[in-house]
Amino acid sequence: MISIAKSVPSGSGDSIVIGSAHYQHNAKLFESQSRVAKTLTLDGGVVITTDGYVEVDRNLSFNIKNLTKAQAAVLRGIYTSQVRVVVAIPGAVYDCVISFYNDVGKEIRMTAMIESKLTA
């Protein structure tokens, strides 16, 4: 189950709970890239530096299907009125910014970039 809510509630339509029947089980709930840099040296070699991995390097990508018109309207309303959202997935709650939203009829594709983890 996934919950998406406005960071600052303003009334009805502030949140939506999406059951597992509506999002793909291969949703990218752990899409990340480590902080790695590759630099060419003057002698033709390379230096690779890594600053490791932190939780906020993650992105959450969802393909949400078969929502009712009312559910799709709530999700679209959350996106259009406030790009900053709170996303709860199994095991964690995050403060996020929606970086991609695409409603293609019966499927909504969305990516949220994590700004901070709100749970321990």
PDB file of N, CA and C in Angstrom:
ATOM      1  N   MET A   1       0.837  -1.165   0.000  1.00  0.00           N
ATOM      2  CA  MET A   1       0.000   0.000   0.000  1.00  0.00           C
ATOM      3  C   MET A   1       0.895   1.245   0.000  1.00  0.00           C
ATOM      4  N   ILE A   2       0.454   2.240  -0.745  1.00  0.00           N
ATOM      5  CA  ILE A   2       1.170   3.501  -0.856  1.00  0.00           C
ATOM      6  C   ILE A   2       0.212   4.618  -0.478  1.00  0.00           C
ATOM      7  N   SER A   3       0.695   5.579   0.293  1.00  0.00           N
ATOM      8  CA  SER A   3      -0.101   6.750   0.632  1.00  0.00           C
ATOM      9  C   SER A   3       0.632   7.983   0.122  1.00  0.00           C
ATOM     10  N   ILE A   4      -0.105   8.876  -0.538  1.00  0.00           N
ATOM     11  CA  ILE A   4       0.467  10.130  -1.037  1.00  0.00           C
ATOM     12  C   ILE A   4      -0.410  11.248  -0.502  1.00  0.00           C
ATOM     13  N   ALA A   5       0.212  12.233   0.147  1.00  0.00           N
ATOM     14  CA  ALA A   5      -0.550  13.314   0.772  1.00  0.00           C
ATOM     15  C   ALA A   5       0.164  14.645   0.593  1.00  0.00           C
ATOM     16  N   LYS A   6      -0.623  15.716   0.595  1.00  0.00           N
ATOM     17  CA  LYS A   6      -0.050  17.057   0.559  1.00  0.00           C
ATOM     18  C   LYS A   6       0.762  17.283   1.827  1.00  0.00           C
ATOM     19  N   SER A   7       1.868  17.998   1.708  1.00  0.00           N
ATOM     20  CA  SER A   7       2.664  18.326   2.887  1.00  0.00           C
ATOM     21  C   SER A   7       1.915  19.287   3.793  1.00  0.00           C
ATOM     22  N   VAL A   8       1.139  20.187   3.179  1.00  0.00           N
ATOM     23  CA  VAL A   8       0.349  21.149   3.937  1.00  0.00           C
ATOM     24  C   VAL A   8      -1.113  20.917   3.588  1.00  0.00           C
ATOM     25  N   PRO A   9      -1.868  20.263   4.469  1.00  0.00           N
ATOM     26  CA  PRO A   9      -3.274  19.964   4.171  1.00  0.00           C
ATOM     27  C   PRO A   9      -4.102  21.233   4.041  1.00  0.00           C
ATOM     28  N   SER A  10      -5.093  21.187   3.154  1.00  0.00           N
ATOM     29  CA  SER A  10      -5.946  22.359   2.952  1.00  0.00           C
ATOM     30  C   SER A  10      -7.427  21.994   2.908  1.00  0.00           C
ATOM     31  N   GLY A  11      -7.768  20.766   3.187  1.00  0.00           N
ATOM     32  CA  GLY A  11      -9.173  20.351   3.161  1.00  0.00           C
ATOM     33  C   GLY A  11      -9.330  18.993   2.521  1.00  0.00           C
ATOM     34  N   SER A  12     -10.456  18.786   1.863  1.00  0.00           N
ATOM     35  CA  SER A  12     -10.709  17.488   1.241  1.00  0.00           C
ATOM     36  C   SER A  12      -9.785  17.283   0.044  1.00  0.00           C
ATOM     37  N   GLY A  13      -9.534  16.039  -0.282  1.00  0.00           N
ATOM     38  CA  GLY A  13      -8.666  15.718  -1.409  1.00  0.00           C
ATOM     39  C   GLY A  13      -7.199  15.914  -1.098  1.00  0.00           C
ATOM     40  N   ASP A  14      -6.848  15.856   0.199  1.00  0.00           N
ATOM     41  CA  ASP A  14      -5.463  16.084   0.601  1.00  0.00           C
ATOM     42  C   ASP A  14      -4.591  14.843   0.545  1.00  0.00           C
ATOM     43  N   SER A  15      -5.214  13.656   0.445  1.00  0.00           N
ATOM     44  CA  SER A  15      -4.418  12.437   0.443  1.00  0.00           C
ATOM     45  C   SER A  15      -5.144  11.337  -0.320  1.00  0.00           C
ATOM     46  N   ILE A  16      -4.363  10.336  -0.700  1.00  0.00           N
ATOM     47  CA  ILE A  16      -4.913   9.168  -1.374  1.00  0.00           C
ATOM     48  C   ILE A  16      -4.123   7.953  -0.917  1.00  0.00           C
ATOM     49  N   VAL A  17      -4.816   6.870  -0.688  1.00  0.00           N
ATOM     50  CA  VAL A  17      -4.190   5.601  -0.349  1.00  0.00           C
ATOM     51  C   VAL A  17      -4.389   4.687  -1.546  1.00  0.00           C
ATOM     52  N   ILE A  18      -3.295   4.138  -2.046  1.00  0.00           N
ATOM     53  CA  ILE A  18      -3.326   3.303  -3.239  1.00  0.00           C
ATOM     54  C   ILE A  18      -2.994   1.873  -2.833  1.00  0.00           C
ATOM     55  N   GLY A  19      -3.950   0.992  -2.987  1.00  0.00           N
ATOM     56  CA  GLY A  19      -3.754  -0.411  -2.643  1.00  0.00           C
ATOM     57  C   GLY A  19      -2.844  -1.100  -3.641  1.00  0.00           C
ATOM     58  N   SER A  20      -2.286  -2.222  -3.235  1.00  0.00           N
ATOM     59  CA  SER A  20      -1.323  -2.921  -4.087  1.00  0.00           C
ATOM     60  C   SER A  20      -1.932  -3.400  -5.400  1.00  0.00           C
ATOM     61  N   ALA A  21      -3.237  -3.500  -5.485  1.00  0.00           N
ATOM     62  CA  ALA A  21      -3.869  -3.914  -6.743  1.00  0.00           C
ATOM     63  C   ALA A  21      -3.764  -2.832  -7.806  1.00  0.00           C
ATOM     64  N   HIS A  22      -3.451  -1.610  -7.406  1.00  0.00           N
ATOM     65  CA  HIS A  22      -3.425  -0.492  -8.341  1.00  0.00           C
ATOM     66  C   HIS A  22      -2.025  -0.085  -8.815  1.00  0.00           C
ATOM     67  N   TYR A  23      -0.993  -0.550  -8.159  1.00  0.00           N
ATOM     68  CA  TYR A  23       0.341  -0.198  -8.655  1.00  0.00           C
ATOM     69  C   TYR A  23       1.109  -1.470  -8.963  1.00  0.00           C
ATOM     70  N   GLN A  24       2.009  -1.335  -9.913  1.00  0.00           N
ATOM     71  CA  GLN A  24       2.755  -2.500 -10.360  1.00  0.00           C
ATOM     72  C   GLN A  24       3.668  -2.985  -9.246  1.00  0.00           C
ATOM     73  N   HIS A  25       3.750  -4.290  -9.113  1.00  0.00           N
ATOM     74  CA  HIS A  25       4.604  -4.850  -8.070  1.00  0.00           C
ATOM     75  C   HIS A  25       6.082  -4.622  -8.372  1.00  0.00           C
ATOM     76  N   ASN A  26       6.405  -4.248  -9.608  1.00  0.00           N
ATOM     77  CA  ASN A  26       7.792  -3.919  -9.934  1.00  0.00           C
ATOM     78  C   ASN A  26       8.021  -2.408  -9.850  1.00  0.00           C
ATOM     79  N   ALA A  27       7.153  -1.712  -9.106  1.00  0.00           N
ATOM     80  CA  ALA A  27       7.361  -0.280  -8.903  1.00  0.00           C
ATOM     81  C   ALA A  27       8.754  -0.074  -8.338  1.00  0.00           C
ATOM     82  N   LYS A  28       9.408   0.955  -8.791  1.00  0.00           N
ATOM     83  CA  LYS A  28      10.782   1.202  -8.374  1.00  0.00           C
ATOM     84  C   LYS A  28      10.786   1.935  -7.041  1.00  0.00           C
ATOM     85  N   LEU A  29      10.610   1.172  -5.968  1.00  0.00           N
ATOM     86  CA  LEU A  29      10.613   1.764  -4.642  1.00  0.00           C
ATOM     87  C   LEU A  29      12.031   1.905  -4.118  1.00  0.00           C
ATOM     88  N   PHE A  30      12.996   1.413  -4.854  1.00  0.00           N
ATOM     89  CA  PHE A  30      14.381   1.567  -4.452  1.00  0.00           C
ATOM     90  C   PHE A  30      15.234   1.859  -5.681  1.00  0.00           C
ATOM     91  N   GLU A  31      14.976   2.972  -6.312  1.00  0.00           N
ATOM     92  CA  GLU A  31      15.773   3.408  -7.455  1.00  0.00           C
ATOM     93  C   GLU A  31      16.750   4.454  -6.938  1.00  0.00           C
ATOM     94  N   SER A  32      18.031   4.202  -7.114  1.00  0.00           N
ATOM     95  CA  SER A  32      19.015   5.093  -6.533  1.00  0.00           C
ATOM     96  C   SER A  32      20.303   5.077  -7.339  1.00  0.00           C
ATOM     97  N   GLN A  33      21.082   6.106  -7.122  1.00  0.00           N
ATOM     98  CA  GLN A  33      22.397   6.189  -7.721  1.00  0.00           C
ATOM     99  C   GLN A  33      23.338   6.735  -6.658  1.00  0.00           C
ATOM    100  N   SER A  34      24.454   6.055  -6.452  1.00  0.00           N
ATOM    101  CA  SER A  34      25.425   6.510  -5.462  1.00  0.00           C
ATOM    102  C   SER A  34      26.088   7.798  -5.917  1.00  0.00           C
ATOM    103  N   ARG A  35      26.661   8.485  -4.968  1.00  0.00           N
ATOM    104  CA  ARG A  35      27.370   9.731  -5.270  1.00  0.00           C
ATOM    105  C   ARG A  35      28.796   9.396  -5.708  1.00  0.00           C
ATOM    106  N   VAL A  36      28.945   9.170  -7.006  1.00  0.00           N
ATOM    107  CA  VAL A  36      30.211   8.747  -7.588  1.00  0.00           C
ATOM    108  C   VAL A  36      30.596   9.724  -8.691  1.00  0.00           C
ATOM    109  N   ALA A  37      31.864  10.069  -8.755  1.00  0.00           N
ATOM    110  CA  ALA A  37      32.355  10.955  -9.815  1.00  0.00           C
ATOM    111  C   ALA A  37      33.591  10.324 -10.466  1.00  0.00           C
ATOM    112  N   LYS A  38      33.660  10.463 -11.777  1.00  0.00           N
ATOM    113  CA  LYS A  38      34.800   9.938 -12.530  1.00  0.00           C
ATOM    114  C   LYS A  38      35.480  11.112 -13.225  1.00  0.00           C
ATOM    115  N   THR A  39      36.773  11.270 -12.972  1.00  0.00           N
ATOM    116  CA  THR A  39      37.516  12.393 -13.529  1.00  0.00           C
ATOM    117  C   THR A  39      38.720  11.868 -14.313  1.00  0.00           C
ATOM    118  N   LEU A  40      38.855  12.340 -15.547  1.00  0.00           N
ATOM    119  CA  LEU A  40      40.023  11.979 -16.350  1.00  0.00           C
ATOM    120  C   LEU A  40      41.239  12.742 -15.846  1.00  0.00           C
ATOM    121  N   THR A  41      42.396  12.068 -15.807  1.00  0.00           N
ATOM    122  CA  THR A  41      43.636  12.725 -15.392  1.00  0.00           C
ATOM    123  C   THR A  41      44.459  13.083 -16.620  1.00  0.00           C
ATOM    124  N   LEU A  42      45.432  13.960 -16.435  1.00  0.00           N
ATOM    125  CA  LEU A  42      46.258  14.411 -17.560  1.00  0.00           C
ATOM    126  C   LEU A  42      47.111  13.294 -18.160  1.00  0.00           C
ATOM    127  N   ASP A  43      47.411  12.271 -17.363  1.00  0.00           N
ATOM    128  CA  ASP A  43      48.230  11.171 -17.877  1.00  0.00           C
ATOM    129  C   ASP A  43      47.407  10.087 -18.572  1.00  0.00           C
ATOM    130  N   GLY A  44      46.101  10.334 -18.804  1.00  0.00           N
ATOM    131  CA  GLY A  44      45.250   9.390 -19.511  1.00  0.00           C
ATOM    132  C   GLY A  44      44.522   8.411 -18.611  1.00  0.00           C
ATOM    133  N   GLY A  45      44.743   8.496 -17.333  1.00  0.00           N
ATOM    134  CA  GLY A  45      44.052   7.611 -16.394  1.00  0.00           C
ATOM    135  C   GLY A  45      42.755   8.242 -15.901  1.00  0.00           C
ATOM    136  N   VAL A  46      42.205   7.651 -14.902  1.00  0.00           N
ATOM    137  CA  VAL A  46      40.989   8.174 -14.293  1.00  0.00           C
ATOM    138  C   VAL A  46      41.099   8.106 -12.775  1.00  0.00           C
ATOM    139  N   VAL A  47      40.373   8.991 -12.137  1.00  0.00           N
ATOM    140  CA  VAL A  47      40.224   8.953 -10.687  1.00  0.00           C
ATOM    141  C   VAL A  47      38.734   8.850 -10.410  1.00  0.00           C
ATOM    142  N   ILE A  48      38.348   7.843  -9.651  1.00  0.00           N
ATOM    143  CA  ILE A  48      36.950   7.674  -9.288  1.00  0.00           C
ATOM    144  C   ILE A  48      36.823   7.930  -7.787  1.00  0.00           C
ATOM    145  N   THR A  49      35.961   8.874  -7.459  1.00  0.00           N
ATOM    146  CA  THR A  49      35.712   9.174  -6.054  1.00  0.00           C
ATOM    147  C   THR A  49      34.273   8.814  -5.732  1.00  0.00           C
ATOM    148  N   THR A  50      34.073   8.326  -4.529  1.00  0.00           N
ATOM    149  CA  THR A  50      32.723   7.988  -4.109  1.00  0.00           C
ATOM    150  C   THR A  50      32.453   8.590  -2.735  1.00  0.00           C
ATOM    151  N   ASP A  51      31.284   9.197  -2.645  1.00  0.00           N
ATOM    152  CA  ASP A  51      30.850   9.754  -1.365  1.00  0.00           C
ATOM    153  C   ASP A  51      29.756   8.890  -0.763  1.00  0.00           C
ATOM    154  N   GLY A  52      29.623   7.669  -1.289  1.00  0.00           N
ATOM    155  CA  GLY A  52      28.701   6.712  -0.715  1.00  0.00           C
ATOM    156  C   GLY A  52      27.263   6.910  -1.125  1.00  0.00           C
ATOM    157  N   TYR A  53      26.374   6.443  -0.265  1.00  0.00           N
ATOM    158  CA  TYR A  53      24.947   6.439  -0.534  1.00  0.00           C
ATOM    159  C   TYR A  53      24.218   6.912   0.717  1.00  0.00           C
ATOM    160  N   VAL A  54      23.235   7.743   0.509  1.00  0.00           N
ATOM    161  CA  VAL A  54      22.353   8.150   1.601  1.00  0.00           C
ATOM    162  C   VAL A  54      20.910   7.985   1.142  1.00  0.00           C
ATOM    163  N   GLU A  55      20.014   7.904   2.095  1.00  0.00           N
ATOM    164  CA  GLU A  55      18.594   7.655   1.815  1.00  0.00           C
ATOM    165  C   GLU A  55      18.004   8.648   0.813  1.00  0.00           C
ATOM    166  N   VAL A  56      18.413   9.909   0.885  1.00  0.00           N
ATOM    167  CA  VAL A  56      17.818  10.926   0.010  1.00  0.00           C
ATOM    168  C   VAL A  56      18.309  10.835  -1.430  1.00  0.00           C
ATOM    169  N   ASP A  57      19.222   9.917  -1.721  1.00  0.00           N
ATOM    170  CA  ASP A  57      19.630   9.681  -3.108  1.00  0.00           C
ATOM    171  C   ASP A  57      18.581   8.872  -3.870  1.00  0.00           C
ATOM    172  N   ARG A  58      17.591   8.345  -3.162  1.00  0.00           N
ATOM    173  CA  ARG A  58      16.568   7.502  -3.780  1.00  0.00           C
ATOM    174  C   ARG A  58      15.524   8.315  -4.521  1.00  0.00           C
ATOM    175  N   ASN A  59      14.938   7.689  -5.524  1.00  0.00           N
ATOM    176  CA  ASN A  59      13.729   8.173  -6.194  1.00  0.00           C
ATOM    177  C   ASN A  59      12.686   7.075  -6.076  1.00  0.00           C
ATOM    178  N   LEU A  60      11.430   7.473  -5.981  1.00  0.00           N
ATOM    179  CA  LEU A  60      10.330   6.518  -5.948  1.00  0.00           C
ATOM    180  C   LEU A  60       9.552   6.662  -7.251  1.00  0.00           C
ATOM    181  N   SER A  61       9.441   5.596  -8.024  1.00  0.00           N
ATOM    182  CA  SER A  61       8.720   5.634  -9.294  1.00  0.00           C
ATOM    183  C   SER A  61       7.531   4.691  -9.229  1.00  0.00           C
ATOM    184  N   PHE A  62       6.370   5.203  -9.629  1.00  0.00           N
ATOM    185  CA  PHE A  62       5.138   4.427  -9.562  1.00  0.00           C
ATOM    186  C   PHE A  62       4.454   4.402 -10.928  1.00  0.00           C
ATOM    187  N   ASN A  63       3.900   3.261 -11.290  1.00  0.00           N
ATOM    188  CA  ASN A  63       2.964   3.125 -12.403  1.00  0.00           C
ATOM    189  C   ASN A  63       1.658   2.692 -11.764  1.00  0.00           C
ATOM    190  N   ILE A  64       0.699   3.608 -11.696  1.00  0.00           N
ATOM    191  CA  ILE A  64      -0.541   3.367 -10.979  1.00  0.00           C
ATOM    192  C   ILE A  64      -1.651   3.122 -12.000  1.00  0.00           C
ATOM    193  N   LYS A  65      -2.356   2.012 -11.859  1.00  0.00           N
ATOM    194  CA  LYS A  65      -3.374   1.617 -12.838  1.00  0.00           C
ATOM    195  C   LYS A  65      -4.729   1.413 -12.165  1.00  0.00           C
ATOM    196  N   ASN A  66      -5.751   1.476 -12.993  1.00  0.00           N
ATOM    197  CA  ASN A  66      -7.117   1.113 -12.607  1.00  0.00           C
ATOM    198  C   ASN A  66      -7.672   1.915 -11.431  1.00  0.00           C
ATOM    199  N   LEU A  67      -7.298   3.187 -11.348  1.00  0.00           N
ATOM    200  CA  LEU A  67      -7.896   4.044 -10.333  1.00  0.00           C
ATOM    201  C   LEU A  67      -9.287   4.464 -10.792  1.00  0.00           C
ATOM    202  N   THR A  68     -10.155   4.735  -9.849  1.00  0.00           N
ATOM    203  CA  THR A  68     -11.447   5.303 -10.214  1.00  0.00           C
ATOM    204  C   THR A  68     -11.215   6.736 -10.675  1.00  0.00           C
ATOM    205  N   LYS A  69     -12.197   7.319 -11.332  1.00  0.00           N
ATOM    206  CA  LYS A  69     -12.072   8.716 -11.765  1.00  0.00           C
ATOM    207  C   LYS A  69     -11.859   9.635 -10.566  1.00  0.00           C
ATOM    208  N   ALA A  70     -12.530   9.330  -9.465  1.00  0.00           N
ATOM    209  CA  ALA A  70     -12.383  10.157  -8.259  1.00  0.00           C
ATOM    210  C   ALA A  70     -10.974  10.046  -7.685  1.00  0.00           C
ATOM    211  N   GLN A  71     -10.411   8.830  -7.646  1.00  0.00           N
ATOM    212  CA  GLN A  71      -9.049   8.654  -7.145  1.00  0.00           C
ATOM    213  C   GLN A  71      -8.040   9.365  -8.038  1.00  0.00           C
ATOM    214  N   ALA A  72      -8.207   9.232  -9.355  1.00  0.00           N
ATOM    215  CA  ALA A  72      -7.309   9.907 -10.297  1.00  0.00           C
ATOM    216  C   ALA A  72      -7.405  11.424 -10.138  1.00  0.00           C
ATOM    217  N   ALA A  73      -8.602  11.933  -9.907  1.00  0.00           N
ATOM    218  CA  ALA A  73      -8.784  13.373  -9.717  1.00  0.00           C
ATOM    219  C   ALA A  73      -8.091  13.850  -8.446  1.00  0.00           C
ATOM    220  N   VAL A  74      -8.156  13.057  -7.376  1.00  0.00           N
ATOM    221  CA  VAL A  74      -7.464  13.420  -6.135  1.00  0.00           C
ATOM    222  C   VAL A  74      -5.960  13.453  -6.359  1.00  0.00           C
ATOM    223  N   LEU A  75      -5.421  12.443  -7.006  1.00  0.00           N
ATOM    224  CA  LEU A  75      -3.979  12.390  -7.262  1.00  0.00           C
ATOM    225  C   LEU A  75      -3.542  13.548  -8.145  1.00  0.00           C
ATOM    226  N   ARG A  76      -4.307  13.839  -9.188  1.00  0.00           N
ATOM    227  CA  ARG A  76      -3.995  14.973 -10.068  1.00  0.00           C
ATOM    228  C   ARG A  76      -4.080  16.286  -9.295  1.00  0.00           C
ATOM    229  N   GLY A  77      -5.077  16.407  -8.415  1.00  0.00           N
ATOM    230  CA  GLY A  77      -5.224  17.608  -7.598  1.00  0.00           C
ATOM    231  C   GLY A  77      -4.060  17.815  -6.651  1.00  0.00           C
ATOM    232  N   ILE A  78      -3.581  16.719  -6.058  1.00  0.00           N
ATOM    233  CA  ILE A  78      -2.414  16.817  -5.182  1.00  0.00           C
ATOM    234  C   ILE A  78      -1.216  17.318  -5.987  1.00  0.00           C
ATOM    235  N   TYR A  79      -1.016  16.747  -7.169  1.00  0.00           N
ATOM    236  CA  TYR A  79       0.130  17.148  -7.997  1.00  0.00           C
ATOM    237  C   TYR A  79       0.023  18.598  -8.464  1.00  0.00           C
ATOM    238  N   THR A  80      -1.144  19.004  -8.933  1.00  0.00           N
ATOM    239  CA  THR A  80      -1.260  20.353  -9.505  1.00  0.00           C
ATOM    240  C   THR A  80      -1.302  21.448  -8.453  1.00  0.00           C
ATOM    241  N   SER A  81      -1.726  21.117  -7.234  1.00  0.00           N
ATOM    242  CA  SER A  81      -1.817  22.160  -6.215  1.00  0.00           C
ATOM    243  C   SER A  81      -0.584  22.231  -5.326  1.00  0.00           C
ATOM    244  N   GLN A  82       0.155  21.140  -5.234  1.00  0.00           N
ATOM    245  CA  GLN A  82       1.309  21.126  -4.347  1.00  0.00           C
ATOM    246  C   GLN A  82       2.247  20.014  -4.769  1.00  0.00           C
ATOM    247  N   VAL A  83       3.377  20.373  -5.343  1.00  0.00           N
ATOM    248  CA  VAL A  83       4.306  19.371  -5.833  1.00  0.00           C
ATOM    249  C   VAL A  83       5.004  18.666  -4.672  1.00  0.00           C
ATOM    250  N   ARG A  84       5.162  19.342  -3.543  1.00  0.00           N
ATOM    251  CA  ARG A  84       5.785  18.720  -2.361  1.00  0.00           C
ATOM    252  C   ARG A  84       4.747  17.847  -1.663  1.00  0.00           C
ATOM    253  N   VAL A  85       5.100  16.575  -1.438  1.00  0.00           N
ATOM    254  CA  VAL A  85       4.158  15.613  -0.869  1.00  0.00           C
ATOM    255  C   VAL A  85       4.840  14.749   0.193  1.00  0.00           C
ATOM    256  N   VAL A  86       4.020  14.098   0.980  1.00  0.00           N
ATOM    257  CA  VAL A  86       4.491  13.068   1.909  1.00  0.00           C
ATOM    258  C   VAL A  86       4.077  11.733   1.311  1.00  0.00           C
ATOM    259  N   VAL A  87       5.038  10.825   1.135  1.00  0.00           N
ATOM    260  CA  VAL A  87       4.779   9.520   0.538  1.00  0.00           C
ATOM    261  C   VAL A  87       5.123   8.442   1.565  1.00  0.00           C
ATOM    262  N   ALA A  88       4.163   7.585   1.815  1.00  0.00           N
ATOM    263  CA  ALA A  88       4.382   6.447   2.718  1.00  0.00           C
ATOM    264  C   ALA A  88       4.363   5.170   1.902  1.00  0.00           C
ATOM    265  N   ILE A  89       5.416   4.396   2.036  1.00  0.00           N
ATOM    266  CA  ILE A  89       5.516   3.091   1.380  1.00  0.00           C
ATOM    267  C   ILE A  89       5.806   2.076   2.481  1.00  0.00           C
ATOM    268  N   PRO A  90       5.700   0.792   2.194  1.00  0.00           N
ATOM    269  CA  PRO A  90       6.011  -0.183   3.240  1.00  0.00           C
ATOM    270  C   PRO A  90       7.418   0.046   3.807  1.00  0.00           C
ATOM    271  N   GLY A  91       7.478   0.320   5.104  1.00  0.00           N
ATOM    272  CA  GLY A  91       8.765   0.471   5.774  1.00  0.00           C
ATOM    273  C   GLY A  91       9.254   1.890   5.986  1.00  0.00           C
ATOM    274  N   ALA A  92       8.639   2.904   5.363  1.00  0.00           N
ATOM    275  CA  ALA A  92       9.163   4.260   5.534  1.00  0.00           C
ATOM    276  C   ALA A  92       8.164   5.319   5.075  1.00  0.00           C
ATOM    277  N   VAL A  93       8.364   6.530   5.593  1.00  0.00           N
ATOM    278  CA  VAL A  93       7.591   7.704   5.191  1.00  0.00           C
ATOM    279  C   VAL A  93       8.592   8.783   4.803  1.00  0.00           C
ATOM    280  N   TYR A  94       8.349   9.435   3.654  1.00  0.00           N
ATOM    281  CA  TYR A  94       9.306  10.394   3.115  1.00  0.00           C
ATOM    282  C   TYR A  94       8.638  11.733   2.785  1.00  0.00           C
ATOM    283  N   ASP A  95       9.402  12.815   2.911  1.00  0.00           N
ATOM    284  CA  ASP A  95       9.035  14.122   2.385  1.00  0.00           C
ATOM    285  C   ASP A  95       9.640  14.164   0.986  1.00  0.00           C
ATOM    286  N   CYS A  96       8.808  14.368  -0.021  1.00  0.00           N
ATOM    287  CA  CYS A  96       9.255  14.240  -1.416  1.00  0.00           C
ATOM    288  C   CYS A  96       8.814  15.434  -2.254  1.00  0.00           C
ATOM    289  N   VAL A  97       9.400  15.518  -3.431  1.00  0.00           N
ATOM    290  CA  VAL A  97       8.978  16.453  -4.467  1.00  0.00           C
ATOM    291  C   VAL A  97       8.665  15.630  -5.706  1.00  0.00           C
ATOM    292  N   ILE A  98       7.484  15.833  -6.267  1.00  0.00           N
ATOM    293  CA  ILE A  98       7.130  15.109  -7.481  1.00  0.00           C
ATOM    294  C   ILE A  98       7.908  15.711  -8.650  1.00  0.00           C
ATOM    295  N   SER A  99       8.749  14.892  -9.262  1.00  0.00           N
ATOM    296  CA  SER A  99       9.577  15.374 -10.368  1.00  0.00           C
ATOM    297  C   SER A  99       9.018  14.983 -11.728  1.00  0.00           C
ATOM    298  N   PHE A 100       8.085  14.031 -11.753  1.00  0.00           N
ATOM    299  CA  PHE A 100       7.505  13.590 -13.018  1.00  0.00           C
ATOM    300  C   PHE A 100       6.088  13.101 -12.748  1.00  0.00           C
ATOM    301  N   TYR A 101       5.153  13.522 -13.592  1.00  0.00           N
ATOM    302  CA  TYR A 101       3.761  13.083 -13.487  1.00  0.00           C
ATOM    303  C   TYR A 101       3.207  12.994 -14.900  1.00  0.00           C
ATOM    304  N   ASN A 102       2.656  11.836 -15.253  1.00  0.00           N
ATOM    305  CA  ASN A 102       2.115  11.651 -16.594  1.00  0.00           C
ATOM    306  C   ASN A 102       0.865  10.791 -16.501  1.00  0.00           C
ATOM    307  N   ASP A 103      -0.265  11.366 -16.843  1.00  0.00           N
ATOM    308  CA  ASP A 103      -1.542  10.646 -16.846  1.00  0.00           C
ATOM    309  C   ASP A 103      -1.819  10.221 -18.281  1.00  0.00           C
ATOM    310  N   VAL A 104      -1.721   8.923 -18.541  1.00  0.00           N
ATOM    311  CA  VAL A 104      -1.910   8.400 -19.892  1.00  0.00           C
ATOM    312  C   VAL A 104      -3.199   7.587 -19.978  1.00  0.00           C
ATOM    313  N   GLY A 105      -4.263   8.127 -19.419  1.00  0.00           N
ATOM    314  CA  GLY A 105      -5.548   7.449 -19.483  1.00  0.00           C
ATOM    315  C   GLY A 105      -5.765   6.517 -18.316  1.00  0.00           C
ATOM    316  N   LYS A 106      -5.550   5.238 -18.539  1.00  0.00           N
ATOM    317  CA  LYS A 106      -5.798   4.253 -17.485  1.00  0.00           C
ATOM    318  C   LYS A 106      -4.581   4.015 -16.603  1.00  0.00           C
ATOM    319  N   GLU A 107      -3.507   4.753 -16.847  1.00  0.00           N
ATOM    320  CA  GLU A 107      -2.284   4.585 -16.059  1.00  0.00           C
ATOM    321  C   GLU A 107      -1.696   5.947 -15.754  1.00  0.00           C
ATOM    322  N   ILE A 108      -1.279   6.123 -14.507  1.00  0.00           N
ATOM    323  CA  ILE A 108      -0.581   7.346 -14.104  1.00  0.00           C
ATOM    324  C   ILE A 108       0.838   6.953 -13.738  1.00  0.00           C
ATOM    325  N   ARG A 109       1.791   7.621 -14.350  1.00  0.00           N
ATOM    326  CA  ARG A 109       3.207   7.393 -14.038  1.00  0.00           C
ATOM    327  C   ARG A 109       3.700   8.584 -13.241  1.00  0.00           C
ATOM    328  N   MET A 110       4.400   8.298 -12.158  1.00  0.00           N
ATOM    329  CA  MET A 110       4.842   9.368 -11.291  1.00  0.00           C
ATOM    330  C   MET A 110       6.193   9.009 -10.672  1.00  0.00           C
ATOM    331  N   THR A 111       7.063  10.012 -10.544  1.00  0.00           N
ATOM    332  CA  THR A 111       8.343   9.839  -9.857  1.00  0.00           C
ATOM    333  C   THR A 111       8.442  10.910  -8.787  1.00  0.00           C
ATOM    334  N   ALA A 112       8.861  10.491  -7.608  1.00  0.00           N
ATOM    335  CA  ALA A 112       9.046  11.425  -6.495  1.00  0.00           C
ATOM    336  C   ALA A 112      10.508  11.342  -6.042  1.00  0.00           C
ATOM    337  N   MET A 113      11.128  12.517  -5.918  1.00  0.00           N
ATOM    338  CA  MET A 113      12.501  12.605  -5.415  1.00  0.00           C
ATOM    339  C   MET A 113      12.432  12.834  -3.907  1.00  0.00           C
ATOM    340  N   ILE A 114      13.160  12.031  -3.145  1.00  0.00           N
ATOM    341  CA  ILE A 114      13.128  12.110  -1.694  1.00  0.00           C
ATOM    342  C   ILE A 114      13.980  13.282  -1.212  1.00  0.00           C
ATOM    343  N   GLU A 115      13.377  14.113  -0.361  1.00  0.00           N
ATOM    344  CA  GLU A 115      14.140  15.194   0.274  1.00  0.00           C
ATOM    345  C   GLU A 115      14.599  14.780   1.670  1.00  0.00           C
ATOM    346  N   SER A 116      13.716  14.088   2.399  1.00  0.00           N
ATOM    347  CA  SER A 116      14.112  13.620   3.724  1.00  0.00           C
ATOM    348  C   SER A 116      13.247  12.435   4.132  1.00  0.00           C
ATOM    349  N   LYS A 117      13.800  11.630   5.016  1.00  0.00           N
ATOM    350  CA  LYS A 117      13.054  10.497   5.570  1.00  0.00           C
ATOM    351  C   LYS A 117      12.409  10.982   6.859  1.00  0.00           C
ATOM    352  N   LEU A 118      11.110  10.754   7.005  1.00  0.00           N
ATOM    353  CA  LEU A 118      10.377  11.243   8.155  1.00  0.00           C
ATOM    354  C   LEU A 118      10.238  10.196   9.260  1.00  0.00           C
ATOM    355  N   THR A 119      10.587   8.941   8.962  1.00  0.00           N
ATOM    356  CA  THR A 119      10.533   7.878   9.962  1.00  0.00           C
ATOM    357  C   THR A 119      11.930   7.425  10.299  1.00  0.00           C
ATOM    358  N   ALA A 120      12.068   6.849  11.478  1.00  0.00           N
ATOM    359  CA  ALA A 120      13.396   6.377  11.922  1.00  0.00           C
ATOM    360  C   ALA A 120      13.799   5.102  11.239  1.00  0.00           C
TER     361      ALA A 120
END
